[in-house]
């Protein structure tokens, strides 16, 4: 049941969600152009995503969705991890994750500077907490989690006809740090859930004819959502 800390965290998440589309828009506009041929979206998907793809955050629906997502993500993390000293790190990662998800949805890219910020937050934050609390074993678990997550996604990216980009590999590696901090069951769940969620999304969009078989869809939001859900489950 929601209480003071979780409500306060949800409000903070809503505020961060309110500003996330504006930050994402600036990131997208600052990205260097990439000469790359991508399969076009279907007509329905193109019209639905056009405003978002050209400038994330210009539409009310995008801002409202980011506010709701921020509130749910921050509130959920606070309820699930209140007793964990790493909660501030998880919340900071969630803030960066909101921006990353918006950027990836808009232009199918996960910029290295943003992923690097997430890596610094996770790496330095969890290292500091492990030293302060005298729990080096949890830091080792975080490092092993990053190694396993990164290695697994490198293999997936190298498979024939794989659409997994190395931006996705880098983000998965970073997310392995907090997942490994929470333990092996959380790590394995955090590795599995994103691909299940992404697969369900693809099947749904194909069934409703909003995309084609050759349409490229962003994986970053699924990686972030799956990692978040894994932290909520015991």
C-alpha atoms as a PDB file:
ATOM      1  CA  UNK A   1       0.000   0.000   0.000  1.00  0.00           C
ATOM      2  CA  UNK A   2       1.429   3.431  -0.889  1.00  0.00           C
ATOM      3  CA  UNK A   3       2.862   5.428   1.991  1.00  0.00           C
ATOM      4  CA  UNK A   4       4.789   8.661   2.452  1.00  0.00           C
ATOM      5  CA  UNK A   5       8.151   7.664   0.935  1.00  0.00           C
ATOM      6  CA  UNK A   6       6.637   5.883  -2.060  1.00  0.00           C
ATOM      7  CA  UNK A   7       4.239   8.752  -2.769  1.00  0.00           C
ATOM      8  CA  UNK A   8       7.093  11.258  -2.513  1.00  0.00           C
ATOM      9  CA  UNK A   9       9.163   9.122  -4.888  1.00  0.00           C
ATOM     10  CA  UNK A  10       6.255   8.894  -7.327  1.00  0.00           C
ATOM     11  CA  UNK A  11       5.895  12.672  -7.305  1.00  0.00           C
ATOM     12  CA  UNK A  12       9.628  13.056  -7.928  1.00  0.00           C
ATOM     13  CA  UNK A  13       9.390  10.572 -10.776  1.00  0.00           C
ATOM     14  CA  UNK A  14       6.473  12.503 -12.271  1.00  0.00           C
ATOM     15  CA  UNK A  15       8.511  15.714 -12.193  1.00  0.00           C
ATOM     16  CA  UNK A  16      11.455  14.012 -13.850  1.00  0.00           C
ATOM     17  CA  UNK A  17       9.095  12.495 -16.415  1.00  0.00           C
ATOM     18  CA  UNK A  18       7.753  15.961 -17.161  1.00  0.00           C
ATOM     19  CA  UNK A  19      11.232  17.188 -18.093  1.00  0.00           C
ATOM     20  CA  UNK A  20      12.482  14.001 -19.760  1.00  0.00           C
ATOM     21  CA  UNK A  21      10.901  14.637 -23.209  1.00  0.00           C
ATOM     22  CA  UNK A  22      12.511  18.071 -23.410  1.00  0.00           C
ATOM     23  CA  UNK A  23      15.919  16.604 -22.576  1.00  0.00           C
ATOM     24  CA  UNK A  24      15.357  13.759 -25.053  1.00  0.00           C
ATOM     25  CA  UNK A  25      14.455  16.215 -27.789  1.00  0.00           C
ATOM     26  CA  UNK A  26      17.693  18.143 -27.238  1.00  0.00           C
ATOM     27  CA  UNK A  27      19.689  14.910 -27.309  1.00  0.00           C
ATOM     28  CA  UNK A  28      18.055  13.795 -30.567  1.00  0.00           C
ATOM     29  CA  UNK A  29      18.654  17.162 -32.242  1.00  0.00           C
ATOM     30  CA  UNK A  30      22.303  17.128 -31.131  1.00  0.00           C
ATOM     31  CA  UNK A  31      23.032  13.666 -32.534  1.00  0.00           C
ATOM     32  CA  UNK A  32      25.167  13.543 -35.662  1.00  0.00           C
ATOM     33  CA  UNK A  33      23.311  12.280 -38.740  1.00  0.00           C
ATOM     34  CA  UNK A  34      23.721   8.641 -39.649  1.00  0.00           C
ATOM     35  CA  UNK A  35      23.544   7.569 -43.264  1.00  0.00           C
ATOM     36  CA  UNK A  36      21.668   4.319 -42.916  1.00  0.00           C
ATOM     37  CA  UNK A  37      18.888   2.661 -44.846  1.00  0.00           C
ATOM     38  CA  UNK A  38      16.182   1.353 -42.523  1.00  0.00           C
ATOM     39  CA  UNK A  39      13.021  -0.514 -43.573  1.00  0.00           C
ATOM     40  CA  UNK A  40      10.171   1.998 -43.534  1.00  0.00           C
ATOM     41  CA  UNK A  41       7.337   1.838 -41.054  1.00  0.00           C
ATOM     42  CA  UNK A  42       3.890   0.900 -42.187  1.00  0.00           C
ATOM     43  CA  UNK A  43       1.607   3.820 -42.996  1.00  0.00           C
ATOM     44  CA  UNK A  44      -0.296   3.463 -39.708  1.00  0.00           C
ATOM     45  CA  UNK A  45       2.840   3.259 -37.623  1.00  0.00           C
ATOM     46  CA  UNK A  46       4.446   6.141 -39.478  1.00  0.00           C
ATOM     47  CA  UNK A  47       1.539   8.472 -38.837  1.00  0.00           C
ATOM     48  CA  UNK A  48       1.313   7.401 -35.196  1.00  0.00           C
ATOM     49  CA  UNK A  49       5.005   7.978 -34.546  1.00  0.00           C
ATOM     50  CA  UNK A  50       5.751  10.943 -36.786  1.00  0.00           C
ATOM     51  CA  UNK A  51       5.435  13.681 -34.161  1.00  0.00           C
ATOM     52  CA  UNK A  52       7.338  11.622 -31.651  1.00  0.00           C
ATOM     53  CA  UNK A  53      10.119  10.686 -34.041  1.00  0.00           C
ATOM     54  CA  UNK A  54      10.724  14.191 -35.303  1.00  0.00           C
ATOM     55  CA  UNK A  55      10.785  15.831 -31.890  1.00  0.00           C
ATOM     56  CA  UNK A  56      10.057  13.771 -28.791  1.00  0.00           C
ATOM     57  CA  UNK A  57       8.187  15.805 -26.230  1.00  0.00           C
ATOM     58  CA  UNK A  58       6.306  18.096 -28.598  1.00  0.00           C
ATOM     59  CA  UNK A  59       3.038  16.194 -28.129  1.00  0.00           C
ATOM     60  CA  UNK A  60       0.903  16.189 -25.018  1.00  0.00           C
ATOM     61  CA  UNK A  61       0.582  12.408 -25.153  1.00  0.00           C
ATOM     62  CA  UNK A  62       4.355  11.943 -25.002  1.00  0.00           C
ATOM     63  CA  UNK A  63       4.701  14.270 -22.019  1.00  0.00           C
ATOM     64  CA  UNK A  64       1.752  12.694 -20.229  1.00  0.00           C
ATOM     65  CA  UNK A  65       3.126   9.211 -20.838  1.00  0.00           C
ATOM     66  CA  UNK A  66       6.540  10.200 -19.512  1.00  0.00           C
ATOM     67  CA  UNK A  67       4.977  11.714 -16.373  1.00  0.00           C
ATOM     68  CA  UNK A  68       2.946   8.575 -15.688  1.00  0.00           C
ATOM     69  CA  UNK A  69       5.923   6.321 -16.428  1.00  0.00           C
ATOM     70  CA  UNK A  70       8.175   8.333 -14.122  1.00  0.00           C
ATOM     71  CA  UNK A  71       5.679   8.159 -11.268  1.00  0.00           C
ATOM     72  CA  UNK A  72       5.148   4.414 -11.651  1.00  0.00           C
ATOM     73  CA  UNK A  73       8.847   3.601 -12.037  1.00  0.00           C
ATOM     74  CA  UNK A  74      10.005   5.695  -9.075  1.00  0.00           C
ATOM     75  CA  UNK A  75       7.126   4.627  -6.853  1.00  0.00           C
ATOM     76  CA  UNK A  76       7.621   0.959  -7.684  1.00  0.00           C
ATOM     77  CA  UNK A  77      11.354   1.064  -7.037  1.00  0.00           C
ATOM     78  CA  UNK A  78      10.829   2.739  -3.670  1.00  0.00           C
ATOM     79  CA  UNK A  79       8.267   0.160  -2.569  1.00  0.00           C
ATOM     80  CA  UNK A  80      10.431  -2.759  -3.712  1.00  0.00           C
ATOM     81  CA  UNK A  81      13.866  -1.519  -2.608  1.00  0.00           C
ATOM     82  CA  UNK A  82      13.160   0.627   0.413  1.00  0.00           C
ATOM     83  CA  UNK A  83      15.386  -1.501   2.637  1.00  0.00           C
ATOM     84  CA  UNK A  84      18.206  -1.602   0.089  1.00  0.00           C
ATOM     85  CA  UNK A  85      20.938   1.027   0.467  1.00  0.00           C
ATOM     86  CA  UNK A  86      21.296   1.084  -3.302  1.00  0.00           C
ATOM     87  CA  UNK A  87      17.858   2.677  -3.820  1.00  0.00           C
ATOM     88  CA  UNK A  88      19.251   6.175  -4.627  1.00  0.00           C
ATOM     89  CA  UNK A  89      21.402   4.668  -7.375  1.00  0.00           C
ATOM     90  CA  UNK A  90      18.416   2.832  -8.840  1.00  0.00           C
ATOM     91  CA  UNK A  91      16.362   6.027  -8.852  1.00  0.00           C
ATOM     92  CA  UNK A  92      19.139   7.990 -10.551  1.00  0.00           C
ATOM     93  CA  UNK A  93      19.452   5.250 -13.174  1.00  0.00           C
ATOM     94  CA  UNK A  94      15.701   5.365 -13.711  1.00  0.00           C
ATOM     95  CA  UNK A  95      15.887   9.088 -14.433  1.00  0.00           C
ATOM     96  CA  UNK A  96      18.504   8.529 -17.151  1.00  0.00           C
ATOM     97  CA  UNK A  97      16.554   5.514 -18.366  1.00  0.00           C
ATOM     98  CA  UNK A  98      13.461   7.613 -19.041  1.00  0.00           C
ATOM     99  CA  UNK A  99      15.459   9.852 -21.361  1.00  0.00           C
ATOM    100  CA  UNK A 100      17.167   6.896 -23.043  1.00  0.00           C
ATOM    101  CA  UNK A 101      13.825   5.220 -23.734  1.00  0.00           C
ATOM    102  CA  UNK A 102      12.438   8.373 -25.354  1.00  0.00           C
ATOM    103  CA  UNK A 103      15.539   8.884 -27.482  1.00  0.00           C
ATOM    104  CA  UNK A 104      15.578   5.269 -28.656  1.00  0.00           C
ATOM    105  CA  UNK A 105      11.896   5.397 -29.553  1.00  0.00           C
ATOM    106  CA  UNK A 106      12.436   8.587 -31.503  1.00  0.00           C
ATOM    107  CA  UNK A 107      15.510   7.702 -33.551  1.00  0.00           C
ATOM    108  CA  UNK A 108      16.497   4.077 -32.843  1.00  0.00           C
ATOM    109  CA  UNK A 109      19.711   5.141 -31.139  1.00  0.00           C
ATOM    110  CA  UNK A 110      21.130   4.876 -27.639  1.00  0.00           C
ATOM    111  CA  UNK A 111      23.775   7.642 -27.495  1.00  0.00           C
ATOM    112  CA  UNK A 112      27.070   6.674 -25.884  1.00  0.00           C
ATOM    113  CA  UNK A 113      27.196   9.802 -23.664  1.00  0.00           C
ATOM    114  CA  UNK A 114      23.839   8.972 -22.063  1.00  0.00           C
ATOM    115  CA  UNK A 115      24.718   5.293 -21.656  1.00  0.00           C
ATOM    116  CA  UNK A 116      28.044   6.433 -20.205  1.00  0.00           C
ATOM    117  CA  UNK A 117      26.260   8.598 -17.638  1.00  0.00           C
ATOM    118  CA  UNK A 118      24.179   5.583 -16.637  1.00  0.00           C
ATOM    119  CA  UNK A 119      27.357   3.490 -16.341  1.00  0.00           C
ATOM    120  CA  UNK A 120      29.017   6.086 -14.097  1.00  0.00           C
ATOM    121  CA  UNK A 121      25.945   6.332 -11.883  1.00  0.00           C
ATOM    122  CA  UNK A 122      25.705   2.561 -11.517  1.00  0.00           C
ATOM    123  CA  UNK A 123      29.419   1.842 -11.214  1.00  0.00           C
ATOM    124  CA  UNK A 124      30.477   4.658  -8.900  1.00  0.00           C
ATOM    125  CA  UNK A 125      27.229   4.676  -6.945  1.00  0.00           C
ATOM    126  CA  UNK A 126      27.170   0.972  -6.157  1.00  0.00           C
ATOM    127  CA  UNK A 127      30.910   0.977  -5.426  1.00  0.00           C
ATOM    128  CA  UNK A 128      30.478   3.795  -2.909  1.00  0.00           C
ATOM    129  CA  UNK A 129      27.523   2.102  -1.219  1.00  0.00           C
ATOM    130  CA  UNK A 130      29.362  -1.216  -1.045  1.00  0.00           C
ATOM    131  CA  UNK A 131      32.314   0.483   0.657  1.00  0.00           C
ATOM    132  CA  UNK A 132      30.115   2.430   3.074  1.00  0.00           C
ATOM    133  CA  UNK A 133      28.048  -0.594   4.049  1.00  0.00           C
ATOM    134  CA  UNK A 134      30.901  -3.107   4.052  1.00  0.00           C
ATOM    135  CA  UNK A 135      29.327  -5.370   1.417  1.00  0.00           C
ATOM    136  CA  UNK A 136      32.030  -6.055  -1.190  1.00  0.00           C
ATOM    137  CA  UNK A 137      30.261  -9.296  -2.132  1.00  0.00           C
ATOM    138  CA  UNK A 138      27.348  -7.308  -3.542  1.00  0.00           C
ATOM    139  CA  UNK A 139      29.733  -5.199  -5.597  1.00  0.00           C
ATOM    140  CA  UNK A 140      31.285  -8.385  -6.972  1.00  0.00           C
ATOM    141  CA  UNK A 141      27.791  -9.581  -7.849  1.00  0.00           C
ATOM    142  CA  UNK A 142      27.148  -6.309  -9.693  1.00  0.00           C
ATOM    143  CA  UNK A 143      30.361  -6.635 -11.700  1.00  0.00           C
ATOM    144  CA  UNK A 144      29.604 -10.253 -12.578  1.00  0.00           C
ATOM    145  CA  UNK A 145      26.101  -9.203 -13.550  1.00  0.00           C
ATOM    146  CA  UNK A 146      27.482  -6.645 -16.001  1.00  0.00           C
ATOM    147  CA  UNK A 147      29.873  -9.242 -17.433  1.00  0.00           C
ATOM    148  CA  UNK A 148      27.130 -11.832 -17.908  1.00  0.00           C
ATOM    149  CA  UNK A 149      24.627  -9.327 -19.336  1.00  0.00           C
ATOM    150  CA  UNK A 150      27.186  -7.842 -21.706  1.00  0.00           C
ATOM    151  CA  UNK A 151      28.526 -11.197 -22.852  1.00  0.00           C
ATOM    152  CA  UNK A 152      25.052 -12.593 -23.441  1.00  0.00           C
ATOM    153  CA  UNK A 153      24.020  -9.653 -25.583  1.00  0.00           C
ATOM    154  CA  UNK A 154      27.274  -9.655 -27.551  1.00  0.00           C
ATOM    155  CA  UNK A 155      26.496 -13.244 -28.542  1.00  0.00           C
ATOM    156  CA  UNK A 156      22.933 -12.258 -29.483  1.00  0.00           C
ATOM    157  CA  UNK A 157      24.191  -9.310 -31.536  1.00  0.00           C
ATOM    158  CA  UNK A 158      26.559 -11.546 -33.502  1.00  0.00           C
ATOM    159  CA  UNK A 159      23.916 -14.102 -34.431  1.00  0.00           C
ATOM    160  CA  UNK A 160      22.961 -14.205 -38.118  1.00  0.00           C
ATOM    161  CA  UNK A 161      20.189 -11.736 -39.031  1.00  0.00           C
ATOM    162  CA  UNK A 162      20.260 -10.265 -35.537  1.00  0.00           C
ATOM    163  CA  UNK A 163      18.806  -6.781 -35.234  1.00  0.00           C
ATOM    164  CA  UNK A 164      20.448  -6.167 -31.881  1.00  0.00           C
ATOM    165  CA  UNK A 165      22.652  -3.087 -32.038  1.00  0.00           C
ATOM    166  CA  UNK A 166      25.734  -2.489 -29.953  1.00  0.00           C
ATOM    167  CA  UNK A 167      23.997   0.414 -28.259  1.00  0.00           C
ATOM    168  CA  UNK A 168      21.623  -2.221 -26.899  1.00  0.00           C
ATOM    169  CA  UNK A 169      24.603  -4.345 -25.854  1.00  0.00           C
ATOM    170  CA  UNK A 170      26.134  -1.428 -23.953  1.00  0.00           C
ATOM    171  CA  UNK A 171      22.865  -0.592 -22.210  1.00  0.00           C
ATOM    172  CA  UNK A 172      22.317  -4.248 -21.263  1.00  0.00           C
ATOM    173  CA  UNK A 173      25.834  -4.336 -19.791  1.00  0.00           C
ATOM    174  CA  UNK A 174      25.121  -1.266 -17.667  1.00  0.00           C
ATOM    175  CA  UNK A 175      21.796  -2.681 -16.484  1.00  0.00           C
ATOM    176  CA  UNK A 176      23.630  -5.840 -15.452  1.00  0.00           C
ATOM    177  CA  UNK A 177      25.260  -3.841 -12.641  1.00  0.00           C
ATOM    178  CA  UNK A 178      22.089  -3.094 -10.614  1.00  0.00           C
ATOM    179  CA  UNK A 179      20.560  -6.449 -11.539  1.00  0.00           C
ATOM    180  CA  UNK A 180      23.666  -8.287 -10.333  1.00  0.00           C
ATOM    181  CA  UNK A 181      23.646  -6.158  -7.174  1.00  0.00           C
ATOM    182  CA  UNK A 182      20.253  -7.657  -6.329  1.00  0.00           C
ATOM    183  CA  UNK A 183      21.358 -11.245  -6.941  1.00  0.00           C
ATOM    184  CA  UNK A 184      21.418 -13.953  -9.570  1.00  0.00           C
ATOM    185  CA  UNK A 185      17.643 -14.631  -9.701  1.00  0.00           C
ATOM    186  CA  UNK A 186      17.006 -10.939 -10.426  1.00  0.00           C
ATOM    187  CA  UNK A 187      19.776 -10.901 -13.024  1.00  0.00           C
ATOM    188  CA  UNK A 188      18.434 -13.881 -14.956  1.00  0.00           C
ATOM    189  CA  UNK A 189      14.923 -12.476 -14.848  1.00  0.00           C
ATOM    190  CA  UNK A 190      16.218  -9.088 -15.991  1.00  0.00           C
ATOM    191  CA  UNK A 191      17.931 -10.756 -18.952  1.00  0.00           C
ATOM    192  CA  UNK A 192      14.854 -12.742 -19.985  1.00  0.00           C
ATOM    193  CA  UNK A 193      11.987 -10.283 -19.505  1.00  0.00           C
ATOM    194  CA  UNK A 194      13.116  -7.618 -22.004  1.00  0.00           C
ATOM    195  CA  UNK A 195      13.145 -10.075 -24.880  1.00  0.00           C
ATOM    196  CA  UNK A 196       9.783 -11.545 -23.883  1.00  0.00           C
ATOM    197  CA  UNK A 197       8.281  -8.049 -23.712  1.00  0.00           C
ATOM    198  CA  UNK A 198       9.839  -7.038 -27.027  1.00  0.00           C
ATOM    199  CA  UNK A 199       8.634 -10.235 -28.682  1.00  0.00           C
ATOM    200  CA  UNK A 200       5.085  -9.693 -27.451  1.00  0.00           C
ATOM    201  CA  UNK A 201       5.160  -6.106 -28.702  1.00  0.00           C
ATOM    202  CA  UNK A 202       6.375  -7.169 -32.140  1.00  0.00           C
ATOM    203  CA  UNK A 203       3.720  -9.886 -32.424  1.00  0.00           C
ATOM    204  CA  UNK A 204       0.995  -7.439 -31.367  1.00  0.00           C
ATOM    205  CA  UNK A 205       2.087  -4.795 -33.881  1.00  0.00           C
ATOM    206  CA  UNK A 206       2.333  -7.390 -36.636  1.00  0.00           C
ATOM    207  CA  UNK A 207      -1.111  -8.769 -35.810  1.00  0.00           C
ATOM    208  CA  UNK A 208      -2.616  -5.280 -35.955  1.00  0.00           C
ATOM    209  CA  UNK A 209      -0.646  -4.497 -39.143  1.00  0.00           C
ATOM    210  CA  UNK A 210       0.992  -1.445 -37.623  1.00  0.00           C
ATOM    211  CA  UNK A 211       4.441  -2.671 -38.678  1.00  0.00           C
ATOM    212  CA  UNK A 212       5.905  -5.027 -41.270  1.00  0.00           C
ATOM    213  CA  UNK A 213       8.198  -7.979 -40.776  1.00  0.00           C
ATOM    214  CA  UNK A 214      11.224  -5.907 -41.805  1.00  0.00           C
ATOM    215  CA  UNK A 215      10.394  -2.928 -39.566  1.00  0.00           C
ATOM    216  CA  UNK A 216      13.129  -2.123 -37.040  1.00  0.00           C
ATOM    217  CA  UNK A 217      11.812  -1.416 -33.556  1.00  0.00           C
ATOM    218  CA  UNK A 218      13.790  -0.058 -30.588  1.00  0.00           C
ATOM    219  CA  UNK A 219      14.891  -2.551 -27.956  1.00  0.00           C
ATOM    220  CA  UNK A 220      16.071   0.002 -25.374  1.00  0.00           C
ATOM    221  CA  UNK A 221      12.624   0.593 -23.802  1.00  0.00           C
ATOM    222  CA  UNK A 222      12.141  -3.162 -23.405  1.00  0.00           C
ATOM    223  CA  UNK A 223      15.587  -3.556 -21.806  1.00  0.00           C
ATOM    224  CA  UNK A 224      14.774  -0.817 -19.305  1.00  0.00           C
ATOM    225  CA  UNK A 225      11.240  -2.035 -18.597  1.00  0.00           C
ATOM    226  CA  UNK A 226      12.359  -5.631 -18.157  1.00  0.00           C
ATOM    227  CA  UNK A 227      15.117  -4.617 -15.745  1.00  0.00           C
ATOM    228  CA  UNK A 228      12.637  -2.502 -13.774  1.00  0.00           C
ATOM    229  CA  UNK A 229      10.111  -5.355 -13.538  1.00  0.00           C
ATOM    230  CA  UNK A 230      12.854  -7.758 -12.438  1.00  0.00           C
ATOM    231  CA  UNK A 231      13.691  -5.499  -9.479  1.00  0.00           C
ATOM    232  CA  UNK A 232      10.068  -5.529  -8.330  1.00  0.00           C
ATOM    233  CA  UNK A 233       9.767  -9.309  -8.164  1.00  0.00           C
ATOM    234  CA  UNK A 234      11.111 -11.210  -5.140  1.00  0.00           C
END
